[in-house]
PDB file of all heavy atoms in Angstrom:
ATOM      1  N   GLY A   1      82.215  91.133 113.985  1.00  0.00           N
ATOM      2  CA  GLY A   1      82.302  91.496 115.302  1.00  0.00           C
ATOM      3  C   GLY A   1      83.539  92.318 115.561  1.00  0.00           C
ATOM      4  O   GLY A   1      83.648  92.833 116.787  1.00  0.00           O
ATOM      5  N   GLY A   2      84.414  92.635 114.691  1.00  0.00           N
ATOM      6  CA  GLY A   2      85.367  93.614 114.790  1.00  0.00           C
ATOM      7  C   GLY A   2      86.667  93.130 115.533  1.00  0.00           C
ATOM      8  O   GLY A   2      87.550  93.889 115.777  1.00  0.00           O
ATOM      9  N   PHE A   3      86.722  91.858 115.773  1.00  0.00           N
ATOM     10  CA  PHE A   3      87.941  91.318 116.259  1.00  0.00           C
ATOM     11  C   PHE A   3      88.664  90.495 115.056  1.00  0.00           C
ATOM     12  O   PHE A   3      88.231  89.432 114.656  1.00  0.00           O
ATOM     13  CB  PHE A   3      87.679  90.340 117.431  1.00  0.00           C
ATOM     14  CG  PHE A   3      87.345  91.073 118.674  1.00  0.00           C
ATOM     15  CD1 PHE A   3      86.074  91.538 118.916  1.00  0.00           C
ATOM     16  CD2 PHE A   3      88.353  91.418 119.632  1.00  0.00           C
ATOM     17  CE1 PHE A   3      85.732  92.252 120.097  1.00  0.00           C
ATOM     18  CE2 PHE A   3      88.051  92.096 120.789  1.00  0.00           C
ATOM     19  CZ  PHE A   3      86.710  92.379 121.046  1.00  0.00           C
ATOM     20  N   PHE A   4      89.828  91.016 114.640  1.00  0.00           N
ATOM     21  CA  PHE A   4      90.378  90.467 113.340  1.00  0.00           C
ATOM     22  C   PHE A   4      91.768  89.868 113.769  1.00  0.00           C
ATOM     23  O   PHE A   4      92.420  90.185 114.797  1.00  0.00           O
ATOM     24  CB  PHE A   4      90.626  91.470 112.430  1.00  0.00           C
ATOM     25  CG  PHE A   4      89.551  92.240 111.890  1.00  0.00           C
ATOM     26  CD1 PHE A   4      88.970  93.291 112.536  1.00  0.00           C
ATOM     27  CD2 PHE A   4      88.958  91.630 110.708  1.00  0.00           C
ATOM     28  CE1 PHE A   4      87.846  93.886 112.007  1.00  0.00           C
ATOM     29  CE2 PHE A   4      87.847  92.443 110.141  1.00  0.00           C
ATOM     30  CZ  PHE A   4      87.210  93.489 110.782  1.00  0.00           C
ATOM     31  N   VAL A   5      92.266  88.816 112.983  1.00  0.00           N
ATOM     32  CA  VAL A   5      93.557  88.373 112.906  1.00  0.00           C
ATOM     33  C   VAL A   5      93.999  88.612 111.513  1.00  0.00           C
ATOM     34  O   VAL A   5      93.303  88.081 110.503  1.00  0.00           O
ATOM     35  CB  VAL A   5      93.753  86.989 113.377  1.00  0.00           C
ATOM     36  CG1 VAL A   5      95.176  86.546 113.407  1.00  0.00           C
ATOM     37  CG2 VAL A   5      93.108  86.685 114.733  1.00  0.00           C
ATOM     38  N   LEU A   6      95.006  89.252 111.275  1.00  0.00           N
ATOM     39  CA  LEU A   6      95.469  89.733 109.874  1.00  0.00           C
ATOM     40  C   LEU A   6      96.958  89.383 109.644  1.00  0.00           C
ATOM     41  O   LEU A   6      97.746  89.345 110.476  1.00  0.00           O
ATOM     42  CB  LEU A   6      95.273  91.200 109.751  1.00  0.00           C
ATOM     43  CG  LEU A   6      93.848  91.768 110.051  1.00  0.00           C
ATOM     44  CD1 LEU A   6      93.820  93.272 109.937  1.00  0.00           C
ATOM     45  CD2 LEU A   6      92.789  91.214 108.967  1.00  0.00           C
ATOM     46  N   SER A   7      97.208  89.066 108.312  1.00  0.00           N
ATOM     47  CA  SER A   7      98.513  88.957 107.920  1.00  0.00           C
ATOM     48  C   SER A   7      98.963  90.206 107.091  1.00  0.00           C
ATOM     49  O   SER A   7      98.031  90.876 106.469  1.00  0.00           O
ATOM     50  CB  SER A   7      98.557  87.604 106.905  1.00  0.00           C
ATOM     51  OG  SER A   7      98.392  86.476 107.715  1.00  0.00           O
ATOM     52  N   PRO A   8     100.240  90.384 107.042  1.00  0.00           N
ATOM     53  CA  PRO A   8     100.637  91.796 106.461  1.00  0.00           C
ATOM     54  C   PRO A   8     100.232  92.014 104.976  1.00  0.00           C
ATOM     55  O   PRO A   8     100.185  93.086 104.629  1.00  0.00           O
ATOM     56  CB  PRO A   8     102.204  91.652 106.516  1.00  0.00           C
ATOM     57  CG  PRO A   8     102.490  90.609 107.521  1.00  0.00           C
ATOM     58  CD  PRO A   8     101.317  89.669 107.565  1.00  0.00           C
ATOM     59  N   GLY A   9      99.862  90.869 104.248  1.00  0.00           N
ATOM     60  CA  GLY A   9      99.379  91.078 102.906  1.00  0.00           C
ATOM     61  C   GLY A   9      98.115  91.899 102.839  1.00  0.00           C
ATOM     62  O   GLY A   9      97.777  92.480 101.702  1.00  0.00           O
ATOM     63  N   VAL A  10      97.366  92.132 103.969  1.00  0.00           N
ATOM     64  CA  VAL A  10      96.158  92.929 103.835  1.00  0.00           C
ATOM     65  C   VAL A  10      96.450  94.406 103.516  1.00  0.00           C
ATOM     66  O   VAL A  10      95.656  95.161 103.048  1.00  0.00           O
ATOM     67  CB  VAL A  10      95.312  92.920 105.141  1.00  0.00           C
ATOM     68  CG1 VAL A  10      94.948  91.356 105.453  1.00  0.00           C
ATOM     69  CG2 VAL A  10      96.115  93.501 106.286  1.00  0.00           C
ATOM     70  N   PHE A  11      97.710  94.809 103.789  1.00  0.00           N
ATOM     71  CA  PHE A  11      98.096  96.279 103.548  1.00  0.00           C
ATOM     72  C   PHE A  11      97.955  96.680 102.014  1.00  0.00           C
ATOM     73  O   PHE A  11      97.773  97.698 101.699  1.00  0.00           O
ATOM     74  CB  PHE A  11      99.390  96.561 104.096  1.00  0.00           C
ATOM     75  CG  PHE A  11      99.448  96.646 105.577  1.00  0.00           C
ATOM     76  CD1 PHE A  11     100.273  95.719 106.188  1.00  0.00           C
ATOM     77  CD2 PHE A  11      98.742  97.451 106.239  1.00  0.00           C
ATOM     78  CE1 PHE A  11     100.394  95.752 107.617  1.00  0.00           C
ATOM     79  CE2 PHE A  11      98.868  97.577 107.589  1.00  0.00           C
ATOM     80  CZ  PHE A  11      99.651  96.610 108.386  1.00  0.00           C
ATOM     81  N   ASP A  12      98.108  95.536 101.112  1.00  0.00           N
ATOM     82  CA  ASP A  12      98.032  95.788  99.701  1.00  0.00           C
ATOM     83  C   ASP A  12      96.637  95.986  99.330  1.00  0.00           C
ATOM     84  O   ASP A  12      96.442  96.524  98.200  1.00  0.00           O
ATOM     85  CB  ASP A  12      98.494  94.482  99.000  1.00  0.00           C
ATOM     86  CG  ASP A  12      99.959  94.310  99.206  1.00  0.00           C
ATOM     87  OD1 ASP A  12     100.667  95.218  99.451  1.00  0.00           O
ATOM     88  OD2 ASP A  12     100.355  93.083  99.031  1.00  0.00           O
ATOM     89  N   TYR A  13      95.636  95.859 100.158  1.00  0.00           N
ATOM     90  CA  TYR A  13      94.243  96.141  99.783  1.00  0.00           C
ATOM     91  C   TYR A  13      93.801  97.471 100.301  1.00  0.00           C
ATOM     92  O   TYR A  13      92.667  97.827 100.163  1.00  0.00           O
ATOM     93  CB  TYR A  13      93.303  94.943 100.461  1.00  0.00           C
ATOM     94  CG  TYR A  13      93.402  93.721  99.856  1.00  0.00           C
ATOM     95  CD1 TYR A  13      94.552  92.766 100.141  1.00  0.00           C
ATOM     96  CD2 TYR A  13      92.516  93.149  99.040  1.00  0.00           C
ATOM     97  CE1 TYR A  13      94.691  91.562  99.452  1.00  0.00           C
ATOM     98  CE2 TYR A  13      92.617  91.950  98.469  1.00  0.00           C
ATOM     99  CZ  TYR A  13      93.688  91.128  98.707  1.00  0.00           C
ATOM    100  OH  TYR A  13      93.779  89.878  98.121  1.00  0.00           O
ATOM    101  N   ILE A  14      94.711  98.285 100.921  1.00  0.00           N
ATOM    102  CA  ILE A  14      94.257  99.536 101.487  1.00  0.00           C
ATOM    103  C   ILE A  14      95.004 100.631 100.652  1.00  0.00           C
ATOM    104  O   ILE A  14      96.320 100.602 100.604  1.00  0.00           O
ATOM    105  CB  ILE A  14      94.754  99.731 102.965  1.00  0.00           C
ATOM    106  CG1 ILE A  14      94.035  98.562 103.829  1.00  0.00           C
ATOM    107  CG2 ILE A  14      94.347 101.052 103.524  1.00  0.00           C
ATOM    108  CD1 ILE A  14      94.497  98.465 105.231  1.00  0.00           C
ATOM    109  N   GLU A  15      94.305 101.569 100.048  1.00  0.00           N
ATOM    110  CA  GLU A  15      94.905 102.563  99.261  1.00  0.00           C
ATOM    111  C   GLU A  15      95.512 103.711 100.030  1.00  0.00           C
ATOM    112  O   GLU A  15      96.662 104.060  99.824  1.00  0.00           O
ATOM    113  CB  GLU A  15      93.925 103.141  98.220  1.00  0.00           C
ATOM    114  CG  GLU A  15      93.568 102.154  97.144  1.00  0.00           C
ATOM    115  CD  GLU A  15      92.621 102.682  96.042  1.00  0.00           C
ATOM    116  OE1 GLU A  15      92.547 103.979  96.054  1.00  0.00           O
ATOM    117  OE2 GLU A  15      92.128 102.038  95.314  1.00  0.00           O
ATOM    118  N   GLY A  16      94.760 104.381 100.909  1.00  0.00           N
ATOM    119  CA  GLY A  16      95.334 105.397 101.672  1.00  0.00           C
ATOM    120  C   GLY A  16      94.392 105.846 102.832  1.00  0.00           C
ATOM    121  O   GLY A  16      93.513 105.096 103.241  1.00  0.00           O
ATOM    122  N   ASP A  17      94.594 107.091 103.249  1.00  0.00           N
ATOM    123  CA  ASP A  17      93.818 107.529 104.498  1.00  0.00           C
ATOM    124  C   ASP A  17      92.331 107.511 104.313  1.00  0.00           C
ATOM    125  O   ASP A  17      91.527 107.298 105.268  1.00  0.00           O
ATOM    126  CB  ASP A  17      94.248 108.990 104.802  1.00  0.00           C
ATOM    127  CG  ASP A  17      95.591 109.143 105.456  1.00  0.00           C
ATOM    128  OD1 ASP A  17      96.221 108.036 105.711  1.00  0.00           O
ATOM    129  OD2 ASP A  17      96.020 110.270 105.667  1.00  0.00           O
ATOM    130  N   ALA A  18      91.804 107.660 103.073  1.00  0.00           N
ATOM    131  CA  ALA A  18      90.396 107.730 102.866  1.00  0.00           C
ATOM    132  C   ALA A  18      89.770 106.315 102.731  1.00  0.00           C
ATOM    133  O   ALA A  18      88.484 106.170 102.465  1.00  0.00           O
ATOM    134  CB  ALA A  18      90.070 108.474 101.569  1.00  0.00           C
ATOM    135  N   THR A  19      90.515 105.274 102.741  1.00  0.00           N
ATOM    136  CA  THR A  19      90.045 103.906 102.635  1.00  0.00           C
ATOM    137  C   THR A  19      89.298 103.477 103.989  1.00  0.00           C
ATOM    138  O   THR A  19      89.806 103.611 105.092  1.00  0.00           O
ATOM    139  CB  THR A  19      91.183 102.904 102.374  1.00  0.00           C
ATOM    140  OG1 THR A  19      91.725 103.299 101.224  1.00  0.00           O
ATOM    141  CG2 THR A  19      90.580 101.493 102.232  1.00  0.00           C
ATOM    142  N   ILE A  20      88.064 103.031 103.697  1.00  0.00           N
ATOM    143  CA  ILE A  20      87.331 102.446 104.879  1.00  0.00           C
ATOM    144  C   ILE A  20      87.567 100.937 104.846  1.00  0.00           C
ATOM    145  O   ILE A  20      87.194 100.298 103.964  1.00  0.00           O
ATOM    146  CB  ILE A  20      85.851 102.794 104.695  1.00  0.00           C
ATOM    147  CG1 ILE A  20      85.608 104.374 104.811  1.00  0.00           C
ATOM    148  CG2 ILE A  20      85.065 102.176 105.909  1.00  0.00           C
ATOM    149  CD1 ILE A  20      84.226 104.807 104.338  1.00  0.00           C
ATOM    150  N   TRP A  21      88.029 100.429 105.920  1.00  0.00           N
ATOM    151  CA  TRP A  21      88.457  98.992 106.075  1.00  0.00           C
ATOM    152  C   TRP A  21      87.270  98.119 105.737  1.00  0.00           C
ATOM    153  O   TRP A  21      87.341  97.085 105.169  1.00  0.00           O
ATOM    154  CB  TRP A  21      89.082  98.732 107.372  1.00  0.00           C
ATOM    155  CG  TRP A  21      89.213  97.322 107.774  1.00  0.00           C
ATOM    156  CD1 TRP A  21      88.534  96.691 108.665  1.00  0.00           C
ATOM    157  CD2 TRP A  21      90.129  96.378 107.226  1.00  0.00           C
ATOM    158  NE1 TRP A  21      89.021  95.276 108.698  1.00  0.00           N
ATOM    159  CE2 TRP A  21      89.998  95.165 107.773  1.00  0.00           C
ATOM    160  CE3 TRP A  21      91.263  96.545 106.229  1.00  0.00           C
ATOM    161  CZ2 TRP A  21      90.757  94.003 107.470  1.00  0.00           C
ATOM    162  CZ3 TRP A  21      91.932  95.388 105.890  1.00  0.00           C
ATOM    163  CH2 TRP A  21      91.725  94.177 106.574  1.00  0.00           C
ATOM    164  N   GLU A  22      86.144  98.404 106.299  1.00  0.00           N
ATOM    165  CA  GLU A  22      84.962  97.588 106.216  1.00  0.00           C
ATOM    166  C   GLU A  22      84.243  97.707 104.845  1.00  0.00           C
ATOM    167  O   GLU A  22      83.201  96.827 104.604  1.00  0.00           O
ATOM    168  CB  GLU A  22      83.930  98.000 107.249  1.00  0.00           C
ATOM    169  CG  GLU A  22      84.356  97.980 108.687  1.00  0.00           C
ATOM    170  CD  GLU A  22      85.194  99.273 109.108  1.00  0.00           C
ATOM    171  OE1 GLU A  22      85.257 100.300 108.261  1.00  0.00           O
ATOM    172  OE2 GLU A  22      86.037  99.138 109.937  1.00  0.00           O
ATOM    173  N   GLN A  23      84.829  98.478 103.882  1.00  0.00           N
ATOM    174  CA  GLN A  23      84.162  98.407 102.620  1.00  0.00           C
ATOM    175  C   GLN A  23      85.126  97.723 101.572  1.00  0.00           C
ATOM    176  O   GLN A  23      85.135  96.491 101.492  1.00  0.00           O
ATOM    177  CB  GLN A  23      83.878  99.966 102.205  1.00  0.00           C
ATOM    178  CG  GLN A  23      82.817 100.516 103.078  1.00  0.00           C
ATOM    179  CD  GLN A  23      82.312 101.939 102.695  1.00  0.00           C
ATOM    180  OE1 GLN A  23      82.691 102.325 101.696  1.00  0.00           O
ATOM    181  NE2 GLN A  23      81.593 102.558 103.515  1.00  0.00           N
ATOM    182  N   GLU A  24      85.890  98.613 100.770  1.00  0.00           N
ATOM    183  CA  GLU A  24      86.581  97.853  99.654  1.00  0.00           C
ATOM    184  C   GLU A  24      87.500  96.772 100.070  1.00  0.00           C
ATOM    185  O   GLU A  24      87.658  95.681  99.443  1.00  0.00           O
ATOM    186  CB  GLU A  24      87.229  99.101  98.857  1.00  0.00           C
ATOM    187  CG  GLU A  24      87.853  98.504  97.596  1.00  0.00           C
ATOM    188  CD  GLU A  24      86.905  97.979  96.559  1.00  0.00           C
ATOM    189  OE1 GLU A  24      85.697  98.300  96.727  1.00  0.00           O
ATOM    190  OE2 GLU A  24      87.215  97.304  95.559  1.00  0.00           O
ATOM    191  N   PRO A  25      88.427  97.019 101.106  1.00  0.00           N
ATOM    192  CA  PRO A  25      89.433  96.025 101.486  1.00  0.00           C
ATOM    193  C   PRO A  25      88.677  94.689 101.795  1.00  0.00           C
ATOM    194  O   PRO A  25      89.158  93.650 101.310  1.00  0.00           O
ATOM    195  CB  PRO A  25      90.002  96.582 102.729  1.00  0.00           C
ATOM    196  CG  PRO A  25      89.926  98.050 102.484  1.00  0.00           C
ATOM    197  CD  PRO A  25      88.615  98.307 101.904  1.00  0.00           C
ATOM    198  N   LEU A  26      87.738  94.649 102.644  1.00  0.00           N
ATOM    199  CA  LEU A  26      87.048  93.388 103.134  1.00  0.00           C
ATOM    200  C   LEU A  26      86.252  92.800 101.933  1.00  0.00           C
ATOM    201  O   LEU A  26      86.312  91.544 101.688  1.00  0.00           O
ATOM    202  CB  LEU A  26      86.226  93.642 104.219  1.00  0.00           C
ATOM    203  CG  LEU A  26      86.772  93.831 105.706  1.00  0.00           C
ATOM    204  CD1 LEU A  26      85.743  93.895 106.758  1.00  0.00           C
ATOM    205  CD2 LEU A  26      87.855  92.779 105.915  1.00  0.00           C
ATOM    206  N   ARG A  27      85.673  93.635 101.102  1.00  0.00           N
ATOM    207  CA  ARG A  27      85.041  93.125  99.888  1.00  0.00           C
ATOM    208  C   ARG A  27      85.998  92.414  98.963  1.00  0.00           C
ATOM    209  O   ARG A  27      85.675  91.381  98.494  1.00  0.00           O
ATOM    210  CB  ARG A  27      84.204  94.216  99.177  1.00  0.00           C
ATOM    211  CG  ARG A  27      83.014  94.712  99.946  1.00  0.00           C
ATOM    212  CD  ARG A  27      82.479  95.913  99.321  1.00  0.00           C
ATOM    213  NE  ARG A  27      81.345  96.490 100.085  1.00  0.00           N
ATOM    214  CZ  ARG A  27      80.981  97.756  99.960  1.00  0.00           C
ATOM    215  NH1 ARG A  27      81.565  98.633  99.134  1.00  0.00           N
ATOM    216  NH2 ARG A  27      79.846  98.189 100.645  1.00  0.00           N
ATOM    217  N   ARG A  28      87.170  93.023  98.638  1.00  0.00           N
ATOM    218  CA  ARG A  28      88.066  92.383  97.833  1.00  0.00           C
ATOM    219  C   ARG A  28      88.765  91.118  98.460  1.00  0.00           C
ATOM    220  O   ARG A  28      89.036  90.219  97.695  1.00  0.00           O
ATOM    221  CB  ARG A  28      89.262  93.507  97.489  1.00  0.00           C
ATOM    222  CG  ARG A  28      88.653  94.609  96.583  1.00  0.00           C
ATOM    223  CD  ARG A  28      89.854  95.629  96.322  1.00  0.00           C
ATOM    224  NE  ARG A  28      91.031  94.924  95.840  1.00  0.00           N
ATOM    225  CZ  ARG A  28      92.231  95.486  96.062  1.00  0.00           C
ATOM    226  NH1 ARG A  28      92.441  96.582  96.836  1.00  0.00           N
ATOM    227  NH2 ARG A  28      93.291  94.850  95.554  1.00  0.00           N
ATOM    228  N   LEU A  29      89.025  91.273  99.752  1.00  0.00           N
ATOM    229  CA  LEU A  29      89.528  89.941 100.367  1.00  0.00           C
ATOM    230  C   LEU A  29      88.556  88.863 100.229  1.00  0.00           C
ATOM    231  O   LEU A  29      88.967  87.760 100.004  1.00  0.00           O
ATOM    232  CB  LEU A  29      89.850  90.308 101.828  1.00  0.00           C
ATOM    233  CG  LEU A  29      91.120  91.139 102.200  1.00  0.00           C
ATOM    234  CD1 LEU A  29      90.977  91.751 103.544  1.00  0.00           C
ATOM    235  CD2 LEU A  29      92.374  90.279 101.974  1.00  0.00           C
ATOM    236  N   ALA A  30      87.303  89.171 100.434  1.00  0.00           N
ATOM    237  CA  ALA A  30      86.332  88.127 100.256  1.00  0.00           C
ATOM    238  C   ALA A  30      86.251  87.633  98.872  1.00  0.00           C
ATOM    239  O   ALA A  30      86.116  86.402  98.595  1.00  0.00           O
ATOM    240  CB  ALA A  30      84.865  88.612 100.646  1.00  0.00           C
TER     241      ALA A  30
END
């Protein structure tokens, strides 16, 4: 639904400007 609560550790899952949050970061977090 697009409403998140996040801890700073999620930044380690984002590589750079081309990263789509809903793809690799969320998949890896899961």
